[in-house]
Amino acid sequence: MSTTTHHLTTPSAPWSSTFQDHISKLPSPEFILTSLQPAPKSSPVSYVPRLRYCIYRGMWGSLPENKHNDAPRNAPIYTSDMPTFTTDVRMQKVGQFFASSLGHASSDDQVQGSGGGGPVEAVWWIKDTGTQWRMKGEAFVVGRDIDDEGVTSSGVRTVKSEIGRRMRRTEEEGNEREWSWAKELTAHFGNCSPGMRGSWKNPPPGTPTNGQEPDKDHQLGQKVQDLHDPIARENFRVVIIKPEEVEQLDISDPATARRWKYTFVVEKGQGSEGKGDWKVEELWP
């Protein structure tokens, strides 16, 4: 891992094991993600919400096992409580993660690499347990430039700093310097089906067809086997949600319904990084 990455001393989130157990009960781990789109200049507000369904792809650093994934894997020396999903850089939500961040990046060139950090909210409904999970945080994008040699972009530095601080060392043996962000990105690509990988070679999402057929490089319904397909990998991104607040609403029994709010707090320690922990409040539903 980059030597510029520092980690908070952070225990496993108290909500994480229950959350992941609940997610395992879903036939498909779908969730609703809300991001912020800059409003038109004539609007009385600065941003408007945008929602869509996404697929949960595991916690960053703890990619689910997949016997069909031939991609090289990092040693399991890191884990986290930060959910991931995959997307296409050409989708509007990627630009929203950048435009609503502190950097307010807005041009197409500025959103092609790693970075972002805009506010998001994710919601899962687990019917089998009568539980709603709501997660508020920031969304960071991991792109192909994440481990580029030479000049490191501000977006890469932001991702490695903000995400790296919340990654935890496991008890597994391994050399931290050999852990690679780029290898983790490729492993996520490999965990997707050939048809899903092929979707990153679709025509640009949301653009008019104009009654034309797509060009030969951007056909619908392709299946990609090559882990380094140049077109698919150019468009492929992993997004990491860094949660700051998590709510667990249990309404399985109306007589005992409860809401628990978990808030991430940082206590200053002897060093510059300090200690992270989760404050828990039990609330009426």
C-alpha atoms as a PDB file:
ATOM      1  CA  MET A   1       0.000   0.000   0.000  1.00  0.00           C
ATOM      2  CA  SER A   2       1.107   3.559  -0.655  1.00  0.00           C
ATOM      3  CA  THR A   3       3.347   4.863   2.093  1.00  0.00           C
ATOM      4  CA  THR A   4       1.304   8.068   2.064  1.00  0.00           C
ATOM      5  CA  THR A   5      -1.669   6.203   3.520  1.00  0.00           C
ATOM      6  CA  HIS A   6      -2.197   6.406   7.288  1.00  0.00           C
ATOM      7  CA  HIS A   7      -4.762   4.469   9.269  1.00  0.00           C
ATOM      8  CA  LEU A   8      -6.928   5.459  12.178  1.00  0.00           C
ATOM      9  CA  THR A   9      -7.004   3.044  15.069  1.00  0.00           C
ATOM     10  CA  THR A  10     -10.544   1.828  14.408  1.00  0.00           C
ATOM     11  CA  PRO A  11     -12.351  -1.267  15.711  1.00  0.00           C
ATOM     12  CA  SER A  12     -14.806  -3.206  13.574  1.00  0.00           C
ATOM     13  CA  ALA A  13     -18.081  -1.269  13.330  1.00  0.00           C
ATOM     14  CA  PRO A  14     -20.649  -2.617  15.838  1.00  0.00           C
ATOM     15  CA  TRP A  15     -23.295  -2.702  13.095  1.00  0.00           C
ATOM     16  CA  SER A  16     -21.182  -4.439  10.445  1.00  0.00           C
ATOM     17  CA  SER A  17     -21.693  -8.139  11.217  1.00  0.00           C
ATOM     18  CA  THR A  18     -25.494  -7.775  11.543  1.00  0.00           C
ATOM     19  CA  PHE A  19     -25.624  -5.668   8.386  1.00  0.00           C
ATOM     20  CA  GLN A  20     -23.698  -8.239   6.368  1.00  0.00           C
ATOM     21  CA  ASP A  21     -25.784 -11.081   7.780  1.00  0.00           C
ATOM     22  CA  HIS A  22     -28.934  -9.248   6.686  1.00  0.00           C
ATOM     23  CA  ILE A  23     -27.504  -8.535   3.233  1.00  0.00           C
ATOM     24  CA  SER A  24     -26.838 -12.264   2.808  1.00  0.00           C
ATOM     25  CA  LYS A  25     -30.598 -12.881   3.082  1.00  0.00           C
ATOM     26  CA  LEU A  26     -31.353 -10.827  -0.032  1.00  0.00           C
ATOM     27  CA  PRO A  27     -31.890 -12.698  -3.319  1.00  0.00           C
ATOM     28  CA  SER A  28     -29.907  -9.858  -4.918  1.00  0.00           C
ATOM     29  CA  PRO A  29     -28.029  -7.290  -2.760  1.00  0.00           C
ATOM     30  CA  GLU A  30     -29.711  -4.264  -4.299  1.00  0.00           C
ATOM     31  CA  PHE A  31     -29.902  -0.883  -2.632  1.00  0.00           C
ATOM     32  CA  ILE A  32     -31.044   2.633  -3.442  1.00  0.00           C
ATOM     33  CA  LEU A  33     -28.305   5.249  -3.695  1.00  0.00           C
ATOM     34  CA  THR A  34     -28.980   8.976  -3.579  1.00  0.00           C
ATOM     35  CA  SER A  35     -26.458  11.523  -4.837  1.00  0.00           C
ATOM     36  CA  LEU A  36     -26.595  15.269  -5.472  1.00  0.00           C
ATOM     37  CA  GLN A  37     -26.775  16.840  -8.922  1.00  0.00           C
ATOM     38  CA  PRO A  38     -25.928  20.557  -9.281  1.00  0.00           C
ATOM     39  CA  ALA A  39     -29.227  22.332  -9.955  1.00  0.00           C
ATOM     40  CA  PRO A  40     -29.833  24.551 -12.999  1.00  0.00           C
ATOM     41  CA  LYS A  41     -28.747  28.158 -12.514  1.00  0.00           C
ATOM     42  CA  SER A  42     -32.380  29.253 -12.460  1.00  0.00           C
ATOM     43  CA  SER A  43     -33.166  26.923  -9.537  1.00  0.00           C
ATOM     44  CA  PRO A  44     -33.694  28.344  -6.025  1.00  0.00           C
ATOM     45  CA  VAL A  45     -31.555  25.493  -4.603  1.00  0.00           C
ATOM     46  CA  SER A  46     -27.935  24.515  -5.255  1.00  0.00           C
ATOM     47  CA  TYR A  47     -28.447  20.754  -5.648  1.00  0.00           C
ATOM     48  CA  VAL A  48     -31.216  18.299  -6.469  1.00  0.00           C
ATOM     49  CA  PRO A  49     -31.318  14.611  -5.439  1.00  0.00           C
ATOM     50  CA  ARG A  50     -30.846  11.769  -7.888  1.00  0.00           C
ATOM     51  CA  LEU A  51     -31.675   8.130  -7.048  1.00  0.00           C
ATOM     52  CA  ARG A  52     -30.968   4.769  -8.635  1.00  0.00           C
ATOM     53  CA  TYR A  53     -30.583   1.097  -7.721  1.00  0.00           C
ATOM     54  CA  CYS A  54     -27.058  -0.283  -7.293  1.00  0.00           C
ATOM     55  CA  ILE A  55     -25.619  -3.695  -6.390  1.00  0.00           C
ATOM     56  CA  TYR A  56     -23.594  -4.106  -3.201  1.00  0.00           C
ATOM     57  CA  ARG A  57     -20.213  -5.694  -4.020  1.00  0.00           C
ATOM     58  CA  GLY A  58     -18.837  -6.317  -0.535  1.00  0.00           C
ATOM     59  CA  MET A  59     -16.725  -4.238   1.821  1.00  0.00           C
ATOM     60  CA  TRP A  60     -13.597  -2.586   0.454  1.00  0.00           C
ATOM     61  CA  GLY A  61     -10.604  -4.837   1.105  1.00  0.00           C
ATOM     62  CA  SER A  62     -12.844  -7.887   1.686  1.00  0.00           C
ATOM     63  CA  LEU A  63     -13.946  -8.843  -1.819  1.00  0.00           C
ATOM     64  CA  PRO A  64     -16.341 -11.827  -1.737  1.00  0.00           C
ATOM     65  CA  GLU A  65     -14.888 -15.109  -2.972  1.00  0.00           C
ATOM     66  CA  ASN A  66     -15.809 -16.101  -6.533  1.00  0.00           C
ATOM     67  CA  LYS A  67     -14.517 -19.355  -8.010  1.00  0.00           C
ATOM     68  CA  HIS A  68     -14.910 -17.905 -11.512  1.00  0.00           C
ATOM     69  CA  ASN A  69     -12.629 -14.934 -10.767  1.00  0.00           C
ATOM     70  CA  ASP A  70      -9.135 -15.548 -12.173  1.00  0.00           C
ATOM     71  CA  ALA A  71      -7.791 -12.118 -11.233  1.00  0.00           C
ATOM     72  CA  PRO A  72      -4.763 -11.971  -8.923  1.00  0.00           C
ATOM     73  CA  ARG A  73      -5.788 -11.153  -5.360  1.00  0.00           C
ATOM     74  CA  ASN A  74      -4.166  -9.100  -2.651  1.00  0.00           C
ATOM     75  CA  ALA A  75      -3.224 -10.924   0.513  1.00  0.00           C
ATOM     76  CA  PRO A  76      -6.177 -10.514   2.959  1.00  0.00           C
ATOM     77  CA  ILE A  77      -4.268  -8.172   5.244  1.00  0.00           C
ATOM     78  CA  TYR A  78      -6.811  -5.321   5.121  1.00  0.00           C
ATOM     79  CA  THR A  79     -10.521  -5.062   5.699  1.00  0.00           C
ATOM     80  CA  SER A  80     -13.013  -2.256   6.279  1.00  0.00           C
ATOM     81  CA  ASP A  81     -16.640  -1.321   6.929  1.00  0.00           C
ATOM     82  CA  MET A  82     -16.983   0.596   3.657  1.00  0.00           C
ATOM     83  CA  PRO A  83     -19.486  -0.808   1.112  1.00  0.00           C
ATOM     84  CA  THR A  84     -18.551  -0.907  -2.552  1.00  0.00           C
ATOM     85  CA  PHE A  85     -20.375  -1.020  -5.875  1.00  0.00           C
ATOM     86  CA  THR A  86     -19.258  -0.894  -9.490  1.00  0.00           C
ATOM     87  CA  THR A  87     -20.243   1.610 -12.137  1.00  0.00           C
ATOM     88  CA  ASP A  88     -19.417   3.111 -15.524  1.00  0.00           C
ATOM     89  CA  VAL A  89     -17.481   6.388 -15.516  1.00  0.00           C
ATOM     90  CA  ARG A  90     -19.839   7.614 -18.238  1.00  0.00           C
ATOM     91  CA  MET A  91     -22.823   7.404 -15.865  1.00  0.00           C
ATOM     92  CA  GLN A  92     -24.084  10.706 -14.460  1.00  0.00           C
ATOM     93  CA  LYS A  93     -23.636   9.613 -10.856  1.00  0.00           C
ATOM     94  CA  VAL A  94     -19.842   9.611 -11.195  1.00  0.00           C
ATOM     95  CA  GLY A  95     -19.853  13.268 -12.166  1.00  0.00           C
ATOM     96  CA  GLN A  96     -22.190  13.954  -9.248  1.00  0.00           C
ATOM     97  CA  PHE A  97     -19.743  12.405  -6.770  1.00  0.00           C
ATOM     98  CA  PHE A  98     -17.128  14.866  -8.029  1.00  0.00           C
ATOM     99  CA  ALA A  99     -19.319  17.954  -8.507  1.00  0.00           C
ATOM    100  CA  SER A 100     -20.805  17.796  -4.996  1.00  0.00           C
ATOM    101  CA  SER A 101     -17.438  17.146  -3.312  1.00  0.00           C
ATOM    102  CA  LEU A 102     -15.221  19.740  -1.662  1.00  0.00           C
ATOM    103  CA  GLY A 103     -13.249  20.021  -4.896  1.00  0.00           C
ATOM    104  CA  HIS A 104     -16.401  20.738  -6.967  1.00  0.00           C
ATOM    105  CA  ALA A 105     -14.866  19.122 -10.061  1.00  0.00           C
ATOM    106  CA  SER A 106     -17.274  19.412 -12.966  1.00  0.00           C
ATOM    107  CA  SER A 107     -15.517  19.049 -16.339  1.00  0.00           C
ATOM    108  CA  ASP A 108     -15.356  15.669 -18.089  1.00  0.00           C
ATOM    109  CA  ASP A 109     -11.560  15.629 -17.795  1.00  0.00           C
ATOM    110  CA  GLN A 110     -11.723  16.115 -14.031  1.00  0.00           C
ATOM    111  CA  VAL A 111     -13.955  13.083 -13.430  1.00  0.00           C
ATOM    112  CA  GLN A 112     -12.057  10.539 -15.533  1.00  0.00           C
ATOM    113  CA  GLY A 113      -9.715   9.453 -12.749  1.00  0.00           C
ATOM    114  CA  SER A 114      -9.951   8.586  -9.089  1.00  0.00           C
ATOM    115  CA  GLY A 115     -11.427  11.059  -6.625  1.00  0.00           C
ATOM    116  CA  GLY A 116     -14.882  12.366  -5.784  1.00  0.00           C
ATOM    117  CA  GLY A 117     -16.084  12.392  -2.202  1.00  0.00           C
ATOM    118  CA  GLY A 118     -19.544  13.884  -2.651  1.00  0.00           C
ATOM    119  CA  PRO A 119     -22.272  13.156  -0.071  1.00  0.00           C
ATOM    120  CA  VAL A 120     -24.490  10.123  -0.648  1.00  0.00           C
ATOM    121  CA  GLU A 121     -27.164   8.155   1.172  1.00  0.00           C
ATOM    122  CA  ALA A 122     -27.800   4.447   0.666  1.00  0.00           C
ATOM    123  CA  VAL A 123     -30.848   2.441   1.767  1.00  0.00           C
ATOM    124  CA  TRP A 124     -31.400  -1.317   2.007  1.00  0.00           C
ATOM    125  CA  TRP A 125     -34.717  -2.964   2.912  1.00  0.00           C
ATOM    126  CA  ILE A 126     -34.385  -6.496   4.310  1.00  0.00           C
ATOM    127  CA  LYS A 127     -37.862  -7.993   4.112  1.00  0.00           C
ATOM    128  CA  ASP A 128     -36.954 -11.237   5.901  1.00  0.00           C
ATOM    129  CA  THR A 129     -35.830  -9.395   9.031  1.00  0.00           C
ATOM    130  CA  GLY A 130     -38.152  -6.374   8.838  1.00  0.00           C
ATOM    131  CA  THR A 131     -35.131  -4.099   8.900  1.00  0.00           C
ATOM    132  CA  GLN A 132     -34.200  -0.958   7.018  1.00  0.00           C
ATOM    133  CA  TRP A 133     -30.549   0.064   6.850  1.00  0.00           C
ATOM    134  CA  ARG A 134     -29.730   3.656   5.969  1.00  0.00           C
ATOM    135  CA  MET A 135     -26.170   4.808   5.449  1.00  0.00           C
ATOM    136  CA  LYS A 136     -24.984   8.396   5.084  1.00  0.00           C
ATOM    137  CA  GLY A 137     -21.467   9.176   3.947  1.00  0.00           C
ATOM    138  CA  GLU A 138     -19.235  10.112   1.047  1.00  0.00           C
ATOM    139  CA  ALA A 139     -18.623   8.288  -2.240  1.00  0.00           C
ATOM    140  CA  PHE A 140     -15.074   7.924  -3.562  1.00  0.00           C
ATOM    141  CA  VAL A 141     -14.226   6.636  -7.040  1.00  0.00           C
ATOM    142  CA  VAL A 142     -11.323   4.264  -7.761  1.00  0.00           C
ATOM    143  CA  GLY A 143     -10.124   4.478 -11.361  1.00  0.00           C
ATOM    144  CA  ARG A 144      -7.265   3.165 -13.480  1.00  0.00           C
ATOM    145  CA  ASP A 145      -4.918   5.923 -12.309  1.00  0.00           C
ATOM    146  CA  ILE A 146      -5.038   4.773  -8.667  1.00  0.00           C
ATOM    147  CA  ASP A 147      -1.492   3.344  -8.727  1.00  0.00           C
ATOM    148  CA  ASP A 148       0.001   5.263 -11.657  1.00  0.00           C
ATOM    149  CA  GLU A 149       3.708   5.887 -11.376  1.00  0.00           C
ATOM    150  CA  GLY A 150       5.057   9.395 -11.629  1.00  0.00           C
ATOM    151  CA  VAL A 151       2.863  12.406 -10.826  1.00  0.00           C
ATOM    152  CA  THR A 152      -0.009  11.492  -8.492  1.00  0.00           C
ATOM    153  CA  SER A 153      -3.262  13.403  -9.031  1.00  0.00           C
ATOM    154  CA  SER A 154      -5.057  15.172  -6.216  1.00  0.00           C
ATOM    155  CA  GLY A 155      -7.946  12.747  -6.722  1.00  0.00           C
ATOM    156  CA  VAL A 156      -5.729   9.718  -6.121  1.00  0.00           C
ATOM    157  CA  ARG A 157      -4.236  11.340  -3.029  1.00  0.00           C
ATOM    158  CA  THR A 158      -7.729  12.082  -1.720  1.00  0.00           C
ATOM    159  CA  VAL A 159      -8.955   8.510  -2.219  1.00  0.00           C
ATOM    160  CA  LYS A 160      -5.897   6.922  -0.638  1.00  0.00           C
ATOM    161  CA  SER A 161      -6.031   9.324   2.289  1.00  0.00           C
ATOM    162  CA  GLU A 162      -9.761   9.238   3.026  1.00  0.00           C
ATOM    163  CA  ILE A 163     -10.317   5.533   2.331  1.00  0.00           C
ATOM    164  CA  GLY A 164      -6.940   4.372   3.604  1.00  0.00           C
ATOM    165  CA  ARG A 165      -7.545   5.945   7.007  1.00  0.00           C
ATOM    166  CA  ARG A 166     -10.599   3.748   7.510  1.00  0.00           C
ATOM    167  CA  MET A 167      -8.991   0.469   6.401  1.00  0.00           C
ATOM    168  CA  ARG A 168      -7.998  -1.921   9.184  1.00  0.00           C
ATOM    169  CA  ARG A 169      -5.092  -4.330   9.357  1.00  0.00           C
ATOM    170  CA  THR A 170      -6.196  -7.939   9.807  1.00  0.00           C
ATOM    171  CA  GLU A 171      -4.287 -10.656  11.651  1.00  0.00           C
ATOM    172  CA  GLU A 172      -3.295 -12.311   8.373  1.00  0.00           C
ATOM    173  CA  GLU A 173       0.401 -12.342   7.500  1.00  0.00           C
ATOM    174  CA  GLY A 174       1.539 -10.269   4.556  1.00  0.00           C
ATOM    175  CA  ASN A 175       3.660  -7.341   3.444  1.00  0.00           C
ATOM    176  CA  GLU A 176       1.707  -4.084   3.576  1.00  0.00           C
ATOM    177  CA  ARG A 177       3.891  -2.575   0.865  1.00  0.00           C
ATOM    178  CA  GLU A 178       2.814  -5.332  -1.535  1.00  0.00           C
ATOM    179  CA  TRP A 179      -0.899  -4.557  -1.118  1.00  0.00           C
ATOM    180  CA  SER A 180      -2.000  -2.886  -4.350  1.00  0.00           C
ATOM    181  CA  TRP A 181      -4.991  -0.623  -5.002  1.00  0.00           C
ATOM    182  CA  ALA A 182      -4.780  -1.448  -8.719  1.00  0.00           C
ATOM    183  CA  LYS A 183      -4.819  -5.188  -7.990  1.00  0.00           C
ATOM    184  CA  GLU A 184      -7.910  -4.718  -5.810  1.00  0.00           C
ATOM    185  CA  LEU A 185      -9.587  -2.774  -8.639  1.00  0.00           C
ATOM    186  CA  THR A 186      -8.857  -5.562 -11.137  1.00  0.00           C
ATOM    187  CA  ALA A 187     -10.110  -8.180  -8.680  1.00  0.00           C
ATOM    188  CA  HIS A 188     -13.436  -6.311  -8.503  1.00  0.00           C
ATOM    189  CA  PHE A 189     -13.602  -6.363 -12.312  1.00  0.00           C
ATOM    190  CA  GLY A 190     -12.905 -10.102 -12.265  1.00  0.00           C
ATOM    191  CA  ASN A 191     -15.670 -10.691  -9.719  1.00  0.00           C
ATOM    192  CA  CYS A 192     -18.224  -9.461 -12.253  1.00  0.00           C
ATOM    193  CA  SER A 193     -19.737 -11.837 -14.821  1.00  0.00           C
ATOM    194  CA  PRO A 194     -18.541 -11.679 -18.465  1.00  0.00           C
ATOM    195  CA  GLY A 195     -21.882 -10.111 -19.382  1.00  0.00           C
ATOM    196  CA  MET A 196     -21.517  -7.439 -16.713  1.00  0.00           C
ATOM    197  CA  ARG A 197     -17.973  -6.724 -17.844  1.00  0.00           C
ATOM    198  CA  GLY A 198     -19.331  -6.403 -21.369  1.00  0.00           C
ATOM    199  CA  SER A 199     -21.742  -3.684 -20.220  1.00  0.00           C
ATOM    200  CA  TRP A 200     -18.763  -1.352 -19.865  1.00  0.00           C
ATOM    201  CA  LYS A 201     -18.404  -1.609 -23.630  1.00  0.00           C
ATOM    202  CA  ASN A 202     -21.985  -0.471 -24.250  1.00  0.00           C
ATOM    203  CA  PRO A 203     -22.687   2.740 -26.167  1.00  0.00           C
ATOM    204  CA  PRO A 204     -22.367   5.806 -23.879  1.00  0.00           C
ATOM    205  CA  PRO A 205     -25.236   5.569 -21.342  1.00  0.00           C
ATOM    206  CA  GLY A 206     -28.011   8.110 -21.716  1.00  0.00           C
ATOM    207  CA  THR A 207     -26.931   9.426 -25.101  1.00  0.00           C
ATOM    208  CA  PRO A 208     -29.421   9.598 -28.023  1.00  0.00           C
ATOM    209  CA  THR A 209     -29.449   6.702 -30.470  1.00  0.00           C
ATOM    210  CA  ASN A 210     -30.351   9.049 -33.354  1.00  0.00           C
ATOM    211  CA  GLY A 211     -31.653   5.997 -35.149  1.00  0.00           C
ATOM    212  CA  GLN A 212     -28.104   4.707 -35.616  1.00  0.00           C
ATOM    213  CA  GLU A 213     -26.465   1.399 -34.746  1.00  0.00           C
ATOM    214  CA  PRO A 214     -23.553   1.590 -32.265  1.00  0.00           C
ATOM    215  CA  ASP A 215     -20.001   1.368 -33.588  1.00  0.00           C
ATOM    216  CA  LYS A 216     -18.180  -1.982 -33.580  1.00  0.00           C
ATOM    217  CA  ASP A 217     -16.363  -1.273 -30.310  1.00  0.00           C
ATOM    218  CA  HIS A 218     -19.517  -0.343 -28.372  1.00  0.00           C
ATOM    219  CA  GLN A 219     -22.058  -3.081 -29.029  1.00  0.00           C
ATOM    220  CA  LEU A 220     -24.782  -4.170 -26.608  1.00  0.00           C
ATOM    221  CA  GLY A 221     -24.748  -7.639 -25.063  1.00  0.00           C
ATOM    222  CA  GLN A 222     -21.014  -8.299 -25.278  1.00  0.00           C
ATOM    223  CA  LYS A 223     -19.294 -10.824 -23.006  1.00  0.00           C
ATOM    224  CA  VAL A 224     -15.789  -9.939 -21.856  1.00  0.00           C
ATOM    225  CA  GLN A 225     -13.333 -12.575 -20.618  1.00  0.00           C
ATOM    226  CA  ASP A 226     -10.151 -10.483 -20.742  1.00  0.00           C
ATOM    227  CA  LEU A 227      -9.483  -8.887 -17.337  1.00  0.00           C
ATOM    228  CA  HIS A 228      -7.629  -6.070 -19.101  1.00  0.00           C
ATOM    229  CA  ASP A 229      -9.985  -5.394 -22.018  1.00  0.00           C
ATOM    230  CA  PRO A 230      -8.953  -1.815 -22.899  1.00  0.00           C
ATOM    231  CA  ILE A 231     -12.417  -0.419 -23.587  1.00  0.00           C
ATOM    232  CA  ALA A 232     -14.196  -2.069 -20.650  1.00  0.00           C
ATOM    233  CA  ARG A 233     -11.418  -1.142 -18.227  1.00  0.00           C
ATOM    234  CA  GLU A 234     -11.376   2.445 -19.469  1.00  0.00           C
ATOM    235  CA  ASN A 235     -14.991   2.810 -18.346  1.00  0.00           C
ATOM    236  CA  PHE A 236     -14.993   0.531 -15.274  1.00  0.00           C
ATOM    237  CA  ARG A 237     -14.955   2.097 -11.801  1.00  0.00           C
ATOM    238  CA  VAL A 238     -15.313   0.908  -8.221  1.00  0.00           C
ATOM    239  CA  VAL A 239     -17.109   3.287  -5.860  1.00  0.00           C
ATOM    240  CA  ILE A 240     -16.489   3.118  -2.111  1.00  0.00           C
ATOM    241  CA  ILE A 241     -18.980   4.541   0.380  1.00  0.00           C
ATOM    242  CA  LYS A 242     -17.225   5.889   3.465  1.00  0.00           C
ATOM    243  CA  PRO A 243     -20.052   5.873   6.042  1.00  0.00           C
ATOM    244  CA  GLU A 244     -20.291   8.584   8.682  1.00  0.00           C
ATOM    245  CA  GLU A 245     -23.717   7.623  10.039  1.00  0.00           C
ATOM    246  CA  VAL A 246     -25.607   4.323   9.887  1.00  0.00           C
ATOM    247  CA  GLU A 247     -29.186   3.715  11.016  1.00  0.00           C
ATOM    248  CA  GLN A 248     -30.713   0.314  11.695  1.00  0.00           C
ATOM    249  CA  LEU A 249     -34.520   0.422  11.897  1.00  0.00           C
ATOM    250  CA  ASP A 250     -36.085  -2.809  13.156  1.00  0.00           C
ATOM    251  CA  ILE A 251     -39.864  -2.926  12.690  1.00  0.00           C
ATOM    252  CA  SER A 252     -40.198  -6.712  12.662  1.00  0.00           C
ATOM    253  CA  ASP A 253     -42.362  -6.493  15.799  1.00  0.00           C
ATOM    254  CA  PRO A 254     -44.414  -3.271  16.169  1.00  0.00           C
ATOM    255  CA  ALA A 255     -44.510  -3.748  19.949  1.00  0.00           C
ATOM    256  CA  THR A 256     -40.724  -3.641  20.305  1.00  0.00           C
ATOM    257  CA  ALA A 257     -39.669  -1.610  17.257  1.00  0.00           C
ATOM    258  CA  ARG A 258     -36.420   0.304  17.657  1.00  0.00           C
ATOM    259  CA  ARG A 259     -33.994   2.455  15.712  1.00  0.00           C
ATOM    260  CA  TRP A 260     -30.254   2.475  16.373  1.00  0.00           C
ATOM    261  CA  LYS A 261     -28.043   5.286  15.105  1.00  0.00           C
ATOM    262  CA  TYR A 262     -24.311   4.713  14.765  1.00  0.00           C
ATOM    263  CA  THR A 263     -22.147   7.816  14.265  1.00  0.00           C
ATOM    264  CA  PHE A 264     -18.452   7.690  13.418  1.00  0.00           C
ATOM    265  CA  VAL A 265     -16.336   9.940  15.631  1.00  0.00           C
ATOM    266  CA  VAL A 266     -12.614  10.603  15.744  1.00  0.00           C
ATOM    267  CA  GLU A 267     -10.743  11.226  18.977  1.00  0.00           C
ATOM    268  CA  LYS A 268      -7.396  12.964  18.709  1.00  0.00           C
ATOM    269  CA  GLY A 269      -4.568  10.739  19.856  1.00  0.00           C
ATOM    270  CA  GLN A 270      -0.859  11.170  20.387  1.00  0.00           C
ATOM    271  CA  GLY A 271      -0.209  11.197  16.643  1.00  0.00           C
ATOM    272  CA  SER A 272      -1.848  13.123  13.863  1.00  0.00           C
ATOM    273  CA  GLU A 273      -4.312  10.357  13.042  1.00  0.00           C
ATOM    274  CA  GLY A 274      -6.085   9.722  16.329  1.00  0.00           C
ATOM    275  CA  LYS A 275      -8.596   6.997  17.107  1.00  0.00           C
ATOM    276  CA  GLY A 276     -11.883   6.318  15.349  1.00  0.00           C
ATOM    277  CA  ASP A 277     -14.915   4.757  16.975  1.00  0.00           C
ATOM    278  CA  TRP A 278     -18.686   4.440  16.613  1.00  0.00           C
ATOM    279  CA  LYS A 279     -21.082   6.221  18.981  1.00  0.00           C
ATOM    280  CA  VAL A 280     -24.344   4.275  19.386  1.00  0.00           C
ATOM    281  CA  GLU A 281     -27.761   5.703  20.263  1.00  0.00           C
ATOM    282  CA  GLU A 282     -30.975   3.722  20.730  1.00  0.00           C
ATOM    283  CA  LEU A 283     -33.974   5.691  19.409  1.00  0.00           C
ATOM    284  CA  TRP A 284     -37.702   5.310  19.086  1.00  0.00           C
ATOM    285  CA  PRO A 285     -38.609   4.205  15.592  1.00  0.00           C
END
